[in-house]
Amino acid sequence: MNHSTTTHEGSKDLLRIIVAILLPPVGVLMQVGFGAQFWLNVVLTLLGYIPGIIHALYIILTRK
């Protein structure tokens, strides 16, 4: 993997992290699409904003 590819992936992750902090379900949607993790994040965000953020960050940082 060359340096430009690594930098590009890093900037995409940074964008997803920022979006996940502002709108957690959108961050999960950007990472995994519509699916069980997205809907779980919607529920967590509705139950409490912080659990939604934590779940979104977990999904973004562990799924490559």
N, C-alpha and C. Protein backbone atom coordinates (compact mmCIF):
# COMPACT_ATOMS: atom_id res chain seq x y z
N MET A 1 0.85 -1.17 0.00
CA MET A 1 0.00 0.00 0.00
C MET A 1 0.90 1.23 0.00
N ASN A 2 0.68 2.13 -0.92
CA ASN A 2 1.52 3.31 -0.97
C ASN A 2 1.01 4.39 -0.02
N HIS A 3 1.81 5.42 0.14
CA HIS A 3 1.52 6.47 1.11
C HIS A 3 0.23 7.23 0.78
N SER A 4 -0.02 7.51 -0.50
CA SER A 4 -1.21 8.27 -0.87
C SER A 4 -2.50 7.50 -0.57
N THR A 5 -2.47 6.18 -0.72
CA THR A 5 -3.63 5.37 -0.40
C THR A 5 -3.89 5.39 1.10
N THR A 6 -2.82 5.28 1.89
CA THR A 6 -2.95 5.32 3.35
C THR A 6 -3.50 6.66 3.79
N THR A 7 -3.01 7.75 3.23
CA THR A 7 -3.48 9.09 3.58
C THR A 7 -4.95 9.25 3.20
N HIS A 8 -5.34 8.75 2.05
CA HIS A 8 -6.73 8.85 1.60
C HIS A 8 -7.66 8.10 2.56
N GLU A 9 -7.27 6.89 2.95
CA GLU A 9 -8.09 6.12 3.89
C GLU A 9 -8.16 6.82 5.24
N GLY A 10 -7.08 7.41 5.68
CA GLY A 10 -7.07 8.13 6.95
C GLY A 10 -7.99 9.33 6.93
N SER A 11 -8.02 10.04 5.81
CA SER A 11 -8.90 11.20 5.72
C SER A 11 -10.37 10.77 5.65
N LYS A 12 -10.66 9.63 5.03
CA LYS A 12 -12.03 9.12 5.01
C LYS A 12 -12.47 8.73 6.41
N ASP A 13 -11.56 8.09 7.18
CA ASP A 13 -11.88 7.72 8.56
C ASP A 13 -12.11 8.97 9.40
N LEU A 14 -11.30 10.00 9.22
CA LEU A 14 -11.47 11.24 9.98
C LEU A 14 -12.83 11.86 9.69
N LEU A 15 -13.23 11.88 8.43
CA LEU A 15 -14.54 12.42 8.07
C LEU A 15 -15.65 11.60 8.73
N ARG A 16 -15.54 10.28 8.69
CA ARG A 16 -16.55 9.42 9.33
C ARG A 16 -16.61 9.67 10.83
N ILE A 17 -15.47 9.86 11.47
CA ILE A 17 -15.44 10.11 12.91
C ILE A 17 -16.12 11.43 13.24
N ILE A 18 -15.85 12.46 12.47
CA ILE A 18 -16.50 13.76 12.70
C ILE A 18 -18.01 13.64 12.52
N VAL A 19 -18.43 12.97 11.46
CA VAL A 19 -19.87 12.78 11.21
C VAL A 19 -20.48 11.95 12.33
N ALA A 20 -19.76 10.92 12.80
CA ALA A 20 -20.28 10.06 13.87
C ALA A 20 -20.49 10.83 15.16
N ILE A 21 -19.67 11.82 15.42
CA ILE A 21 -19.85 12.62 16.63
C ILE A 21 -21.05 13.55 16.48
N LEU A 22 -21.25 14.09 15.30
CA LEU A 22 -22.37 15.01 15.07
C LEU A 22 -23.69 14.27 14.86
N LEU A 23 -23.68 13.24 14.03
CA LEU A 23 -24.87 12.45 13.69
C LEU A 23 -24.48 10.97 13.65
N PRO A 24 -24.49 10.29 14.78
CA PRO A 24 -23.99 8.92 14.85
C PRO A 24 -24.55 7.95 13.79
N PRO A 25 -25.88 7.93 13.53
CA PRO A 25 -26.36 6.98 12.52
C PRO A 25 -25.79 7.22 11.12
N VAL A 26 -25.54 8.48 10.79
CA VAL A 26 -24.97 8.78 9.47
C VAL A 26 -23.54 8.25 9.37
N GLY A 27 -22.78 8.36 10.45
CA GLY A 27 -21.43 7.81 10.46
C GLY A 27 -21.43 6.31 10.25
N VAL A 28 -22.36 5.61 10.92
CA VAL A 28 -22.47 4.16 10.75
C VAL A 28 -22.93 3.84 9.33
N LEU A 29 -23.87 4.60 8.82
CA LEU A 29 -24.35 4.40 7.45
C LEU A 29 -23.21 4.54 6.45
N MET A 30 -22.34 5.51 6.65
CA MET A 30 -21.19 5.70 5.75
C MET A 30 -20.23 4.52 5.81
N GLN A 31 -20.15 3.87 6.96
CA GLN A 31 -19.20 2.77 7.13
C GLN A 31 -19.76 1.44 6.65
N VAL A 32 -21.00 1.11 7.04
CA VAL A 32 -21.52 -0.23 6.77
C VAL A 32 -22.80 -0.26 5.93
N GLY A 33 -23.40 0.88 5.66
CA GLY A 33 -24.63 0.91 4.88
C GLY A 33 -25.84 0.59 5.74
N PHE A 34 -27.00 0.46 5.08
CA PHE A 34 -28.23 0.11 5.80
C PHE A 34 -28.15 -1.36 6.20
N GLY A 35 -28.33 -1.62 7.46
CA GLY A 35 -28.26 -2.98 7.96
C GLY A 35 -28.52 -2.97 9.45
N ALA A 36 -28.24 -4.08 10.08
CA ALA A 36 -28.52 -4.24 11.51
C ALA A 36 -27.75 -3.22 12.35
N GLN A 37 -26.48 -2.98 12.02
CA GLN A 37 -25.68 -2.04 12.82
C GLN A 37 -26.22 -0.62 12.70
N PHE A 38 -26.70 -0.24 11.52
CA PHE A 38 -27.29 1.08 11.34
C PHE A 38 -28.51 1.24 12.22
N TRP A 39 -29.41 0.27 12.18
CA TRP A 39 -30.66 0.38 12.95
C TRP A 39 -30.40 0.30 14.45
N LEU A 40 -29.41 -0.51 14.85
CA LEU A 40 -29.02 -0.55 16.26
C LEU A 40 -28.53 0.83 16.70
N ASN A 41 -27.76 1.48 15.84
CA ASN A 41 -27.26 2.80 16.19
C ASN A 41 -28.38 3.82 16.27
N VAL A 42 -29.37 3.72 15.40
CA VAL A 42 -30.52 4.64 15.48
C VAL A 42 -31.20 4.48 16.83
N VAL A 43 -31.43 3.25 17.26
CA VAL A 43 -32.08 3.00 18.55
C VAL A 43 -31.21 3.53 19.69
N LEU A 44 -29.92 3.24 19.66
CA LEU A 44 -29.02 3.73 20.72
C LEU A 44 -28.99 5.25 20.77
N THR A 45 -29.00 5.88 19.62
CA THR A 45 -28.97 7.34 19.57
C THR A 45 -30.28 7.92 20.13
N LEU A 46 -31.39 7.28 19.82
CA LEU A 46 -32.68 7.75 20.37
C LEU A 46 -32.76 7.55 21.88
N LEU A 47 -32.15 6.48 22.38
CA LEU A 47 -32.15 6.22 23.82
C LEU A 47 -31.20 7.15 24.56
N GLY A 48 -30.17 7.57 23.90
CA GLY A 48 -29.19 8.47 24.51
C GLY A 48 -28.12 8.79 23.50
N TYR A 49 -27.84 10.04 23.35
CA TYR A 49 -26.91 10.48 22.31
C TYR A 49 -25.52 9.86 22.49
N ILE A 50 -25.03 9.80 23.73
CA ILE A 50 -23.68 9.28 24.00
C ILE A 50 -23.55 7.80 23.61
N PRO A 51 -24.50 6.92 23.96
CA PRO A 51 -24.37 5.53 23.50
C PRO A 51 -24.32 5.42 21.97
N GLY A 52 -25.05 6.26 21.28
CA GLY A 52 -25.01 6.27 19.82
C GLY A 52 -23.64 6.64 19.29
N ILE A 53 -23.02 7.64 19.93
CA ILE A 53 -21.68 8.06 19.51
C ILE A 53 -20.67 6.94 19.77
N ILE A 54 -20.74 6.34 20.95
CA ILE A 54 -19.80 5.27 21.29
C ILE A 54 -19.92 4.12 20.30
N HIS A 55 -21.14 3.71 20.00
CA HIS A 55 -21.35 2.62 19.05
C HIS A 55 -20.84 2.99 17.66
N ALA A 56 -21.13 4.20 17.22
CA ALA A 56 -20.68 4.63 15.89
C ALA A 56 -19.15 4.63 15.81
N LEU A 57 -18.50 5.16 16.83
CA LEU A 57 -17.03 5.17 16.82
C LEU A 57 -16.47 3.75 16.84
N TYR A 58 -17.09 2.88 17.61
CA TYR A 58 -16.66 1.48 17.64
C TYR A 58 -16.75 0.85 16.25
N ILE A 59 -17.87 1.06 15.58
CA ILE A 59 -18.06 0.48 14.23
C ILE A 59 -17.01 1.06 13.26
N ILE A 60 -16.80 2.35 13.30
CA ILE A 60 -15.87 2.98 12.37
C ILE A 60 -14.44 2.54 12.63
N LEU A 61 -14.06 2.46 13.88
CA LEU A 61 -12.65 2.18 14.20
C LEU A 61 -12.30 0.69 14.13
N THR A 62 -13.30 -0.20 14.18
CA THR A 62 -12.99 -1.64 14.15
C THR A 62 -13.26 -2.29 12.80
N ARG A 63 -13.99 -1.66 11.92
CA ARG A 63 -14.31 -2.25 10.62
C ARG A 63 -13.50 -1.61 9.53
N LYS A 64 -12.59 -2.36 8.98
CA LYS A 64 -11.74 -1.84 7.89
C LYS A 64 -12.04 -2.56 6.60
